[in-house]
Every structure is written in C-alpha cells, then in structure tokens.
Amino acid sequence: MSKTVEFFFDLGSPATYLAYTQLPKICEQTDSQLVYKPMLLGGVFKATGNASPATIPAKGRYMFQDLDRYAKRYNVPLKFNPHFPINTLVLMRAVTGMQLRHPERFHAFIDCLFHALWVEGRSLDDPATVAAVLMQNGFDPNEVLALTADEDVKAALKDNTEQAVQRGVFGAPSMFVGDQLYFGQDRLDFVLEALR
C-alpha cells in the first residue's frame, strides 16, 4: 500500500510555511506521496470557532519566538511578516486554480508565494505587490487573476475547506496519514513515525 500525507494548508500561516519546507524531505525519506490540499484558513476558523494564536498577545509573541527556533533547527529562512494577518481568499483561489489548471507549475507557484510572505515579508494583501511577485517569478498576473474568478476553482477551494472541517481540521497546517490527523508543524516527527 502506498503511503500518503494529505497536507491541508493556507499560505497565510507561518507554521504552514515551516511544514511546507520539511514535508517533501519526510516524504522522500519514507517513499511517500505528498498530496497538497489548499484550504481557506479563515473558513476553517469560522466553521470551528477557532482563531489565530496571534490574536492573544502573549501567545502570539511566544508563537513567533517558537517558530523562529524551528526555522533555525530546520535551517530555513523565516521573517515575521509585518503585514500579518493576511486575507488569503484570493491567494488560495489562485493556488487552487494553479493546482487544477496548471499542475506542472503548481510547486513553483506556491514556492514563490511562500517565499514572498515568509522570507521577504511582502504584503500579499496588495494586488500590485502580488502582480510584481508573480511577474518576477515568470507568472502572468492576468492569467492568475482569471483563475481566481473561475467558478470550478472557487468550488474546489470551498470543497477542500469543508472536507477539512468535516475531518476534524481546526487550523493549519494539518496533515493526515490515513485517518490520523496531525496538527502543527511541531508534530512532523509523528507524521514521520506514522509513515515509517
């Protein structure tokens, strides 16, 4: 039986960015498949009554210190985005659209957006900034914008988000190995164990 990790993610979560930097290596080590499931974290929060830890000042301060520790451990760059939190509705539609319509460019697409958000600290709430980031990375902003208006794309993102909530997801990143849910990038060791 082939082993699979379903990765429910939203670009706007710094913990998700860290998980994203590690999951491909984990899957390579365990000969497993990584299945990307874009979801809308705001929709998950609304459906579950959850909120970002950053909304609680003491917890938010701690969370960013802790994420910085993990970034050092993983040897990956991480910069606190001064524009956080970011409304990711349009971004996550774009991600979903790229996955549906241009799967061959999907990884390059999410790479450039994660990098812009969590390494460069860019304001991806601002359409002009998003357009600049896309052009710098060889994507046509008009083509990407068209994807975000595609009804099939909107439906796919909504379906992924609803499926996540039905399966017990309350935040990001959330990973499934079989029916087991693992929440948080600090649970990747359990994901690795489950795959082994």
N, C-alpha and C. Protein backbone atom coordinates (compact mmCIF):
# COMPACT_ATOMS: atom_id res chain seq x y z
N MET A 1 0.84 -1.19 0.00
CA MET A 1 0.00 0.00 0.00
C MET A 1 0.88 1.25 0.00
N SER A 2 0.63 2.18 -0.92
CA SER A 2 1.46 3.38 -0.98
C SER A 2 1.06 4.31 0.17
N LYS A 3 2.06 4.96 0.75
CA LYS A 3 1.83 5.85 1.88
C LYS A 3 1.64 7.27 1.37
N THR A 4 0.71 7.96 2.00
CA THR A 4 0.35 9.31 1.55
C THR A 4 0.21 10.24 2.75
N VAL A 5 0.66 11.49 2.57
CA VAL A 5 0.39 12.55 3.53
C VAL A 5 -0.50 13.56 2.82
N GLU A 6 -1.68 13.81 3.38
CA GLU A 6 -2.54 14.88 2.87
C GLU A 6 -2.21 16.13 3.68
N PHE A 7 -1.83 17.18 2.99
CA PHE A 7 -1.35 18.41 3.61
C PHE A 7 -2.36 19.52 3.37
N PHE A 8 -3.19 19.79 4.38
CA PHE A 8 -4.17 20.88 4.31
C PHE A 8 -3.46 22.17 4.72
N PHE A 9 -3.43 23.12 3.79
CA PHE A 9 -2.60 24.31 4.03
C PHE A 9 -3.25 25.59 3.55
N ASP A 10 -2.79 26.69 4.13
CA ASP A 10 -3.13 28.05 3.72
C ASP A 10 -1.82 28.85 3.79
N LEU A 11 -1.53 29.60 2.75
CA LEU A 11 -0.28 30.36 2.66
C LEU A 11 -0.08 31.34 3.81
N GLY A 12 -1.17 31.82 4.41
CA GLY A 12 -1.10 32.87 5.42
C GLY A 12 -0.61 32.43 6.78
N SER A 13 -0.28 31.15 6.94
CA SER A 13 0.17 30.63 8.23
C SER A 13 1.68 30.40 8.21
N PRO A 14 2.43 31.07 9.11
CA PRO A 14 3.87 30.85 9.14
C PRO A 14 4.25 29.42 9.55
N ALA A 15 3.44 28.80 10.41
CA ALA A 15 3.70 27.41 10.79
C ALA A 15 3.52 26.49 9.58
N THR A 16 2.58 26.83 8.72
CA THR A 16 2.36 26.05 7.50
C THR A 16 3.57 26.18 6.58
N TYR A 17 4.11 27.38 6.48
CA TYR A 17 5.33 27.57 5.68
C TYR A 17 6.44 26.64 6.17
N LEU A 18 6.63 26.57 7.49
CA LEU A 18 7.69 25.71 8.02
C LEU A 18 7.42 24.24 7.69
N ALA A 19 6.17 23.79 7.85
CA ALA A 19 5.83 22.41 7.49
C ALA A 19 6.10 22.16 6.02
N TYR A 20 5.77 23.13 5.20
CA TYR A 20 5.97 23.05 3.75
C TYR A 20 7.45 22.85 3.40
N THR A 21 8.34 23.45 4.19
CA THR A 21 9.78 23.29 3.90
C THR A 21 10.27 21.89 4.26
N GLN A 22 9.56 21.17 5.13
CA GLN A 22 10.04 19.88 5.64
C GLN A 22 9.33 18.66 5.05
N LEU A 23 8.06 18.80 4.70
CA LEU A 23 7.27 17.63 4.27
C LEU A 23 7.85 16.93 3.02
N PRO A 24 8.33 17.65 2.01
CA PRO A 24 8.90 16.93 0.87
C PRO A 24 10.06 16.00 1.26
N LYS A 25 10.92 16.45 2.19
CA LYS A 25 12.05 15.62 2.66
C LYS A 25 11.53 14.38 3.40
N ILE A 26 10.52 14.60 4.25
CA ILE A 26 9.94 13.49 5.02
C ILE A 26 9.36 12.46 4.06
N CYS A 27 8.66 12.93 3.04
CA CYS A 27 8.05 12.01 2.07
C CYS A 27 9.11 11.28 1.25
N GLU A 28 10.19 11.98 0.94
CA GLU A 28 11.29 11.35 0.20
C GLU A 28 11.94 10.25 1.05
N GLN A 29 12.18 10.55 2.33
CA GLN A 29 12.80 9.58 3.24
C GLN A 29 11.95 8.32 3.42
N THR A 30 10.64 8.47 3.33
CA THR A 30 9.74 7.36 3.64
C THR A 30 9.06 6.79 2.39
N ASP A 31 9.51 7.27 1.22
CA ASP A 31 8.94 6.82 -0.06
C ASP A 31 7.41 7.00 -0.05
N SER A 32 7.00 8.20 0.37
CA SER A 32 5.58 8.52 0.49
C SER A 32 5.20 9.63 -0.49
N GLN A 33 3.90 9.74 -0.72
CA GLN A 33 3.40 10.77 -1.62
C GLN A 33 2.82 11.92 -0.81
N LEU A 34 3.15 13.15 -1.22
CA LEU A 34 2.62 14.35 -0.57
C LEU A 34 1.49 14.90 -1.43
N VAL A 35 0.30 14.98 -0.85
CA VAL A 35 -0.88 15.47 -1.55
C VAL A 35 -1.26 16.83 -0.97
N TYR A 36 -1.14 17.86 -1.78
CA TYR A 36 -1.42 19.23 -1.35
C TYR A 36 -2.92 19.49 -1.40
N LYS A 37 -3.48 19.98 -0.28
CA LYS A 37 -4.90 20.28 -0.18
C LYS A 37 -5.06 21.74 0.24
N PRO A 38 -5.13 22.66 -0.73
CA PRO A 38 -5.34 24.06 -0.36
C PRO A 38 -6.70 24.25 0.30
N MET A 39 -6.72 25.01 1.38
CA MET A 39 -7.98 25.29 2.07
C MET A 39 -7.95 26.76 2.49
N LEU A 40 -9.09 27.26 2.91
CA LEU A 40 -9.16 28.64 3.38
C LEU A 40 -9.20 28.63 4.91
N LEU A 41 -8.10 29.05 5.51
CA LEU A 41 -7.99 29.01 6.97
C LEU A 41 -9.06 29.86 7.64
N GLY A 42 -9.39 31.01 7.05
CA GLY A 42 -10.47 31.84 7.60
C GLY A 42 -11.79 31.09 7.65
N GLY A 43 -12.06 30.29 6.62
CA GLY A 43 -13.27 29.47 6.58
C GLY A 43 -13.26 28.39 7.64
N VAL A 44 -12.09 27.79 7.87
CA VAL A 44 -11.94 26.77 8.91
C VAL A 44 -12.16 27.40 10.29
N PHE A 45 -11.55 28.57 10.52
CA PHE A 45 -11.72 29.26 11.80
C PHE A 45 -13.20 29.57 12.05
N LYS A 46 -13.87 30.07 11.01
CA LYS A 46 -15.28 30.44 11.15
C LYS A 46 -16.13 29.21 11.48
N ALA A 47 -15.86 28.11 10.79
CA ALA A 47 -16.66 26.89 10.98
C ALA A 47 -16.41 26.23 12.33
N THR A 48 -15.21 26.40 12.88
CA THR A 48 -14.84 25.69 14.11
C THR A 48 -14.82 26.58 15.36
N GLY A 49 -14.96 27.89 15.16
CA GLY A 49 -14.88 28.81 16.30
C GLY A 49 -13.46 29.03 16.78
N ASN A 50 -12.48 28.64 15.97
CA ASN A 50 -11.07 28.83 16.33
C ASN A 50 -10.60 30.21 15.87
N ALA A 51 -9.42 30.62 16.31
CA ALA A 51 -8.81 31.88 15.88
C ALA A 51 -7.30 31.72 15.89
N SER A 52 -6.62 32.61 15.22
CA SER A 52 -5.16 32.58 15.19
C SER A 52 -4.60 32.79 16.58
N PRO A 53 -3.54 32.05 16.97
CA PRO A 53 -2.89 32.29 18.26
C PRO A 53 -2.39 33.73 18.37
N ALA A 54 -2.12 34.35 17.23
CA ALA A 54 -1.60 35.72 17.22
C ALA A 54 -2.62 36.73 17.77
N THR A 55 -3.89 36.32 17.88
CA THR A 55 -4.91 37.23 18.41
C THR A 55 -4.80 37.37 19.93
N ILE A 56 -4.03 36.48 20.56
CA ILE A 56 -3.79 36.57 22.01
C ILE A 56 -2.35 37.07 22.16
N PRO A 57 -2.15 38.32 22.60
CA PRO A 57 -0.81 38.93 22.55
C PRO A 57 0.32 38.07 23.13
N ALA A 58 0.14 37.54 24.34
CA ALA A 58 1.22 36.76 24.96
C ALA A 58 1.51 35.49 24.14
N LYS A 59 0.45 34.84 23.70
CA LYS A 59 0.61 33.62 22.91
C LYS A 59 1.23 33.93 21.55
N GLY A 60 0.81 35.04 20.95
CA GLY A 60 1.35 35.45 19.66
C GLY A 60 2.85 35.71 19.73
N ARG A 61 3.28 36.43 20.78
CA ARG A 61 4.72 36.70 20.95
C ARG A 61 5.49 35.40 21.09
N TYR A 62 4.96 34.49 21.92
CA TYR A 62 5.62 33.20 22.12
C TYR A 62 5.67 32.41 20.82
N MET A 63 4.54 32.39 20.10
CA MET A 63 4.45 31.60 18.87
C MET A 63 5.54 32.01 17.88
N PHE A 64 5.75 33.32 17.71
CA PHE A 64 6.75 33.75 16.74
C PHE A 64 8.17 33.43 17.21
N GLN A 65 8.41 33.47 18.52
CA GLN A 65 9.72 33.05 19.04
C GLN A 65 9.93 31.56 18.77
N ASP A 66 8.88 30.79 19.01
CA ASP A 66 8.97 29.34 18.82
C ASP A 66 9.17 28.98 17.34
N LEU A 67 8.45 29.66 16.46
CA LEU A 67 8.61 29.40 15.03
C LEU A 67 10.02 29.74 14.58
N ASP A 68 10.58 30.80 15.17
CA ASP A 68 11.96 31.17 14.86
C ASP A 68 12.93 30.07 15.29
N ARG A 69 12.68 29.47 16.45
CA ARG A 69 13.51 28.34 16.91
C ARG A 69 13.48 27.20 15.89
N TYR A 70 12.25 26.89 15.43
CA TYR A 70 12.11 25.79 14.47
C TYR A 70 12.77 26.12 13.14
N ALA A 71 12.67 27.35 12.69
CA ALA A 71 13.31 27.75 11.44
C ALA A 71 14.83 27.53 11.53
N LYS A 72 15.40 27.88 12.69
CA LYS A 72 16.84 27.66 12.90
C LYS A 72 17.15 26.17 12.90
N ARG A 73 16.31 25.38 13.57
CA ARG A 73 16.51 23.92 13.61
C ARG A 73 16.46 23.33 12.20
N TYR A 74 15.50 23.80 11.40
CA TYR A 74 15.33 23.28 10.03
C TYR A 74 16.32 23.90 9.05
N ASN A 75 17.02 24.96 9.53
CA ASN A 75 17.96 25.67 8.67
C ASN A 75 17.26 26.28 7.44
N VAL A 76 16.12 26.92 7.70
CA VAL A 76 15.39 27.61 6.63
C VAL A 76 15.15 29.07 7.05
N PRO A 77 15.08 29.98 6.08
CA PRO A 77 14.82 31.38 6.44
C PRO A 77 13.37 31.58 6.86
N LEU A 78 13.15 32.46 7.82
CA LEU A 78 11.79 32.84 8.23
C LEU A 78 11.85 34.27 8.74
N LYS A 79 10.98 35.11 8.19
CA LYS A 79 10.90 36.50 8.64
C LYS A 79 9.46 36.77 9.03
N PHE A 80 9.26 37.37 10.20
CA PHE A 80 7.91 37.74 10.60
C PHE A 80 7.38 38.75 9.58
N ASN A 81 6.21 38.46 9.02
CA ASN A 81 5.63 39.36 8.02
C ASN A 81 4.92 40.52 8.74
N PRO A 82 5.39 41.78 8.52
CA PRO A 82 4.78 42.92 9.21
C PRO A 82 3.33 43.16 8.80
N HIS A 83 2.88 42.52 7.73
CA HIS A 83 1.51 42.70 7.24
C HIS A 83 0.56 41.61 7.77
N PHE A 84 1.07 40.71 8.60
CA PHE A 84 0.29 39.61 9.17
C PHE A 84 -0.77 40.16 10.11
N PRO A 85 -1.99 39.63 10.15
CA PRO A 85 -2.50 38.53 9.31
C PRO A 85 -2.95 39.02 7.93
N ILE A 86 -2.89 38.14 6.98
CA ILE A 86 -3.22 38.46 5.59
C ILE A 86 -4.50 37.75 5.18
N ASN A 87 -5.38 38.46 4.51
CA ASN A 87 -6.58 37.83 3.96
C ASN A 87 -6.15 37.03 2.74
N THR A 88 -6.27 35.71 2.81
CA THR A 88 -5.72 34.84 1.76
C THR A 88 -6.76 34.32 0.77
N LEU A 89 -7.99 34.83 0.80
CA LEU A 89 -9.03 34.29 -0.08
C LEU A 89 -8.60 34.26 -1.54
N VAL A 90 -8.14 35.40 -2.07
CA VAL A 90 -7.75 35.46 -3.49
C VAL A 90 -6.51 34.61 -3.74
N LEU A 91 -5.55 34.66 -2.82
CA LEU A 91 -4.32 33.86 -2.97
C LEU A 91 -4.64 32.37 -3.01
N MET A 92 -5.51 31.92 -2.09
CA MET A 92 -5.81 30.49 -2.04
C MET A 92 -6.66 30.04 -3.23
N ARG A 93 -7.47 30.94 -3.77
CA ARG A 93 -8.16 30.62 -5.03
C ARG A 93 -7.13 30.48 -6.15
N ALA A 94 -6.14 31.37 -6.17
CA ALA A 94 -5.08 31.29 -7.20
C ALA A 94 -4.31 29.98 -7.07
N VAL A 95 -3.98 29.60 -5.83
CA VAL A 95 -3.26 28.34 -5.59
C VAL A 95 -4.09 27.15 -6.08
N THR A 96 -5.37 27.16 -5.73
CA THR A 96 -6.28 26.08 -6.14
C THR A 96 -6.40 26.04 -7.65
N GLY A 97 -6.52 27.21 -8.25
CA GLY A 97 -6.63 27.30 -9.71
C GLY A 97 -5.38 26.78 -10.40
N MET A 98 -4.23 27.11 -9.86
CA MET A 98 -2.97 26.64 -10.45
C MET A 98 -2.89 25.11 -10.33
N GLN A 99 -3.32 24.58 -9.19
CA GLN A 99 -3.29 23.13 -9.00
C GLN A 99 -4.22 22.42 -9.99
N LEU A 100 -5.39 23.02 -10.21
CA LEU A 100 -6.38 22.42 -11.12
C LEU A 100 -6.02 22.58 -12.59
N ARG A 101 -5.60 23.79 -12.96
CA ARG A 101 -5.44 24.12 -14.38
C ARG A 101 -4.01 24.01 -14.91
N HIS A 102 -3.03 24.21 -14.02
CA HIS A 102 -1.61 24.18 -14.45
C HIS A 102 -0.77 23.41 -13.42
N PRO A 103 -1.09 22.12 -13.21
CA PRO A 103 -0.40 21.37 -12.15
C PRO A 103 1.13 21.33 -12.32
N GLU A 104 1.59 21.44 -13.55
CA GLU A 104 3.04 21.39 -13.80
C GLU A 104 3.75 22.63 -13.24
N ARG A 105 3.00 23.70 -12.96
CA ARG A 105 3.61 24.92 -12.42
C ARG A 105 3.22 25.18 -10.96
N PHE A 106 2.46 24.24 -10.40
CA PHE A 106 1.92 24.40 -9.05
C PHE A 106 3.02 24.62 -8.01
N HIS A 107 4.05 23.78 -8.02
CA HIS A 107 5.09 23.89 -6.99
C HIS A 107 5.85 25.19 -7.09
N ALA A 108 6.19 25.59 -8.31
CA ALA A 108 6.89 26.87 -8.49
C ALA A 108 6.02 28.02 -8.01
N PHE A 109 4.71 27.88 -8.22
CA PHE A 109 3.76 28.93 -7.83
C PHE A 109 3.70 29.09 -6.31
N ILE A 110 3.50 27.98 -5.60
CA ILE A 110 3.42 28.11 -4.13
C ILE A 110 4.79 28.45 -3.54
N ASP A 111 5.86 27.99 -4.16
CA ASP A 111 7.22 28.38 -3.72
C ASP A 111 7.36 29.90 -3.70
N CYS A 112 6.99 30.53 -4.82
CA CYS A 112 7.20 31.98 -4.91
C CYS A 112 6.33 32.73 -3.92
N LEU A 113 5.11 32.24 -3.66
CA LEU A 113 4.22 32.93 -2.73
C LEU A 113 4.65 32.73 -1.27
N PHE A 114 5.02 31.50 -0.91
CA PHE A 114 5.52 31.26 0.45
C PHE A 114 6.77 32.11 0.70
N HIS A 115 7.65 32.17 -0.30
CA HIS A 115 8.90 32.93 -0.17
C HIS A 115 8.59 34.43 0.01
N ALA A 116 7.66 34.93 -0.80
CA ALA A 116 7.31 36.36 -0.70
C ALA A 116 6.74 36.68 0.67
N LEU A 117 5.91 35.78 1.21
CA LEU A 117 5.27 36.03 2.51
C LEU A 117 6.21 35.86 3.69
N TRP A 118 6.95 34.74 3.71
CA TRP A 118 7.64 34.33 4.95
C TRP A 118 9.15 34.42 4.88
N VAL A 119 9.70 34.87 3.75
CA VAL A 119 11.14 35.13 3.68
C VAL A 119 11.36 36.62 3.40
N GLU A 120 10.54 37.17 2.46
CA GLU A 120 10.70 38.57 2.10
C GLU A 120 9.77 39.50 2.89
N GLY A 121 8.72 38.94 3.52
CA GLY A 121 7.80 39.76 4.30
C GLY A 121 6.97 40.72 3.46
N ARG A 122 6.62 40.30 2.23
CA ARG A 122 5.87 41.16 1.31
C ARG A 122 4.39 41.20 1.69
N SER A 123 3.73 42.29 1.29
CA SER A 123 2.31 42.48 1.56
C SER A 123 1.49 41.87 0.43
N LEU A 124 1.09 40.62 0.59
CA LEU A 124 0.32 39.97 -0.47
C LEU A 124 -1.18 40.25 -0.32
N ASP A 125 -1.53 41.23 0.51
CA ASP A 125 -2.88 41.80 0.54
C ASP A 125 -3.03 42.83 -0.58
N ASP A 126 -1.89 43.31 -1.06
CA ASP A 126 -1.86 44.39 -2.04
C ASP A 126 -1.74 43.83 -3.46
N PRO A 127 -2.77 44.05 -4.31
CA PRO A 127 -2.76 43.47 -5.66
C PRO A 127 -1.52 43.84 -6.48
N ALA A 128 -1.01 45.07 -6.33
CA ALA A 128 0.18 45.49 -7.10
C ALA A 128 1.41 44.69 -6.66
N THR A 129 1.51 44.43 -5.36
CA THR A 129 2.64 43.62 -4.84
C THR A 129 2.53 42.19 -5.35
N VAL A 130 1.32 41.64 -5.31
CA VAL A 130 1.11 40.27 -5.81
C VAL A 130 1.51 40.21 -7.29
N ALA A 131 1.06 41.17 -8.07
CA ALA A 131 1.39 41.20 -9.51
C ALA A 131 2.90 41.25 -9.72
N ALA A 132 3.59 42.07 -8.92
CA ALA A 132 5.05 42.19 -9.04
C ALA A 132 5.74 40.88 -8.71
N VAL A 133 5.29 40.23 -7.61
CA VAL A 133 5.87 38.93 -7.21
C VAL A 133 5.66 37.89 -8.31
N LEU A 134 4.45 37.86 -8.87
CA LEU A 134 4.15 36.89 -9.92
C LEU A 134 5.02 37.12 -11.15
N MET A 135 5.13 38.38 -11.57
CA MET A 135 5.94 38.69 -12.76
C MET A 135 7.41 38.34 -12.54
N GLN A 136 7.91 38.65 -11.34
CA GLN A 136 9.32 38.33 -11.02
C GLN A 136 9.58 36.83 -11.10
N ASN A 137 8.53 36.03 -10.93
CA ASN A 137 8.69 34.57 -10.94
C ASN A 137 8.14 33.91 -12.19
N GLY A 138 7.90 34.71 -13.23
CA GLY A 138 7.51 34.16 -14.52
C GLY A 138 6.05 33.78 -14.68
N PHE A 139 5.19 34.37 -13.85
CA PHE A 139 3.74 34.11 -13.96
C PHE A 139 3.04 35.35 -14.49
N ASP A 140 2.02 35.15 -15.28
CA ASP A 140 1.23 36.24 -15.83
C ASP A 140 0.13 36.61 -14.82
N PRO A 141 0.21 37.80 -14.21
CA PRO A 141 -0.78 38.18 -13.20
C PRO A 141 -2.22 38.15 -13.72
N ASN A 142 -2.44 38.50 -14.98
CA ASN A 142 -3.80 38.49 -15.53
C ASN A 142 -4.34 37.07 -15.64
N GLU A 143 -3.48 36.15 -16.02
CA GLU A 143 -3.87 34.75 -16.13
C GLU A 143 -4.21 34.19 -14.74
N VAL A 144 -3.40 34.56 -13.76
CA VAL A 144 -3.63 34.11 -12.38
C VAL A 144 -4.94 34.71 -11.84
N LEU A 145 -5.16 36.00 -12.10
CA LEU A 145 -6.37 36.66 -11.65
C LEU A 145 -7.62 36.00 -12.26
N ALA A 146 -7.50 35.60 -13.52
CA ALA A 146 -8.62 34.92 -14.18
C ALA A 146 -8.95 33.60 -13.47
N LEU A 147 -7.93 32.90 -13.01
CA LEU A 147 -8.15 31.65 -12.28
C LEU A 147 -8.98 31.89 -11.02
N THR A 148 -8.75 33.01 -10.37
CA THR A 148 -9.43 33.29 -9.10
C THR A 148 -10.92 33.56 -9.28
N ALA A 149 -11.32 33.85 -10.52
CA ALA A 149 -12.73 34.11 -10.81
C ALA A 149 -13.44 32.88 -11.39
N ASP A 150 -12.68 31.81 -11.63
CA ASP A 150 -13.21 30.57 -12.23
C ASP A 150 -14.13 29.87 -11.21
N GLU A 151 -15.37 29.60 -11.60
CA GLU A 151 -16.34 29.01 -10.67
C GLU A 151 -15.92 27.62 -10.19
N ASP A 152 -15.29 26.83 -11.07
CA ASP A 152 -14.81 25.50 -10.66
C ASP A 152 -13.72 25.61 -9.60
N VAL A 153 -12.87 26.61 -9.76
CA VAL A 153 -11.78 26.84 -8.80
C VAL A 153 -12.37 27.24 -7.44
N LYS A 154 -13.31 28.18 -7.46
CA LYS A 154 -13.95 28.61 -6.21
C LYS A 154 -14.60 27.42 -5.50
N ALA A 155 -15.29 26.59 -6.29
CA ALA A 155 -15.98 25.41 -5.73
C ALA A 155 -14.97 24.42 -5.14
N ALA A 156 -13.83 24.23 -5.82
CA ALA A 156 -12.82 23.28 -5.35
C ALA A 156 -12.23 23.73 -4.01
N LEU A 157 -11.95 25.04 -3.88
CA LEU A 157 -11.41 25.55 -2.62
C LEU A 157 -12.43 25.40 -1.50
N LYS A 158 -13.68 25.71 -1.81
CA LYS A 158 -14.75 25.58 -0.82
C LYS A 158 -14.90 24.11 -0.40
N ASP A 159 -14.86 23.19 -1.37
CA ASP A 159 -14.97 21.75 -1.08
C ASP A 159 -13.82 21.28 -0.18
N ASN A 160 -12.58 21.69 -0.52
CA ASN A 160 -11.42 21.30 0.30
C ASN A 160 -11.58 21.79 1.73
N THR A 161 -12.06 23.03 1.87
CA THR A 161 -12.21 23.64 3.19
C THR A 161 -13.29 22.89 3.98
N GLU A 162 -14.40 22.60 3.34
CA GLU A 162 -15.49 21.86 4.01
C GLU A 162 -15.05 20.45 4.38
N GLN A 163 -14.32 19.81 3.47
CA GLN A 163 -13.81 18.46 3.73
C GLN A 163 -12.86 18.47 4.94
N ALA A 164 -12.01 19.50 5.00
CA ALA A 164 -11.07 19.63 6.13
C ALA A 164 -11.84 19.71 7.45
N VAL A 165 -12.85 20.58 7.49
CA VAL A 165 -13.64 20.75 8.72
C VAL A 165 -14.35 19.45 9.10
N GLN A 166 -14.94 18.77 8.11
CA GLN A 166 -15.64 17.50 8.37
C GLN A 166 -14.69 16.45 8.94
N ARG A 167 -13.41 16.53 8.55
CA ARG A 167 -12.43 15.54 9.02
C ARG A 167 -11.76 15.94 10.33
N GLY A 168 -12.18 17.08 10.90
CA GLY A 168 -11.67 17.46 12.21
C GLY A 168 -10.60 18.54 12.21
N VAL A 169 -10.31 19.11 11.06
CA VAL A 169 -9.29 20.17 10.98
C VAL A 169 -9.84 21.44 11.64
N PHE A 170 -8.99 22.09 12.42
CA PHE A 170 -9.37 23.35 13.09
C PHE A 170 -8.35 24.44 12.87
N GLY A 171 -7.24 24.12 12.20
CA GLY A 171 -6.19 25.11 11.95
C GLY A 171 -5.20 24.58 10.92
N ALA A 172 -4.13 25.35 10.72
CA ALA A 172 -3.13 24.98 9.72
C ALA A 172 -1.73 25.12 10.32
N PRO A 173 -0.83 24.22 9.91
CA PRO A 173 -1.01 23.13 8.95
C PRO A 173 -1.67 21.92 9.61
N SER A 174 -2.42 21.19 8.81
CA SER A 174 -3.00 19.92 9.25
C SER A 174 -2.62 18.84 8.26
N MET A 175 -2.12 17.73 8.77
CA MET A 175 -1.70 16.62 7.93
C MET A 175 -2.46 15.37 8.32
N PHE A 176 -2.81 14.60 7.32
CA PHE A 176 -3.42 13.30 7.56
C PHE A 176 -2.52 12.21 7.00
N VAL A 177 -2.29 11.19 7.82
CA VAL A 177 -1.73 9.92 7.34
C VAL A 177 -2.83 8.92 7.61
N GLY A 178 -3.47 8.45 6.55
CA GLY A 178 -4.68 7.65 6.72
C GLY A 178 -5.75 8.51 7.36
N ASP A 179 -6.35 8.01 8.45
CA ASP A 179 -7.40 8.77 9.13
C ASP A 179 -6.85 9.60 10.29
N GLN A 180 -5.54 9.49 10.54
CA GLN A 180 -4.95 10.20 11.68
C GLN A 180 -4.62 11.64 11.33
N LEU A 181 -5.13 12.56 12.13
CA LEU A 181 -4.86 13.98 11.95
C LEU A 181 -3.66 14.37 12.81
N TYR A 182 -2.74 15.12 12.20
CA TYR A 182 -1.60 15.71 12.92
C TYR A 182 -1.65 17.20 12.68
N PHE A 183 -1.80 17.99 13.75
CA PHE A 183 -1.91 19.44 13.61
C PHE A 183 -0.62 20.11 14.05
N GLY A 184 -0.13 21.02 13.24
CA GLY A 184 1.01 21.84 13.61
C GLY A 184 2.32 21.33 13.06
N GLN A 185 3.18 22.26 12.68
CA GLN A 185 4.48 21.86 12.13
C GLN A 185 5.36 21.22 13.20
N ASP A 186 5.01 21.41 14.46
CA ASP A 186 5.78 20.79 15.54
C ASP A 186 5.36 19.34 15.78
N ARG A 187 4.50 18.80 14.91
CA ARG A 187 4.09 17.39 15.01
C ARG A 187 4.62 16.57 13.83
N LEU A 188 5.59 17.12 13.11
CA LEU A 188 6.11 16.42 11.93
C LEU A 188 6.83 15.13 12.30
N ASP A 189 7.37 15.06 13.54
CA ASP A 189 8.03 13.82 13.95
C ASP A 189 7.00 12.68 14.03
N PHE A 190 5.76 13.00 14.42
CA PHE A 190 4.71 11.98 14.45
C PHE A 190 4.29 11.58 13.03
N VAL A 191 4.28 12.55 12.13
CA VAL A 191 3.99 12.25 10.71
C VAL A 191 5.04 11.28 10.17
N LEU A 192 6.29 11.58 10.46
CA LEU A 192 7.41 10.73 10.02
C LEU A 192 7.24 9.31 10.60
N GLU A 193 6.95 9.23 11.88
CA GLU A 193 6.74 7.92 12.54
C GLU A 193 5.61 7.14 11.88
N ALA A 194 4.49 7.82 11.62
CA ALA A 194 3.33 7.16 11.02
C ALA A 194 3.67 6.63 9.63
N LEU A 195 4.50 7.36 8.89
CA LEU A 195 4.86 6.93 7.53
C LEU A 195 5.85 5.78 7.55
N ARG A 196 6.66 5.70 8.62
CA ARG A 196 7.63 4.61 8.73
C ARG A 196 6.94 3.32 9.14
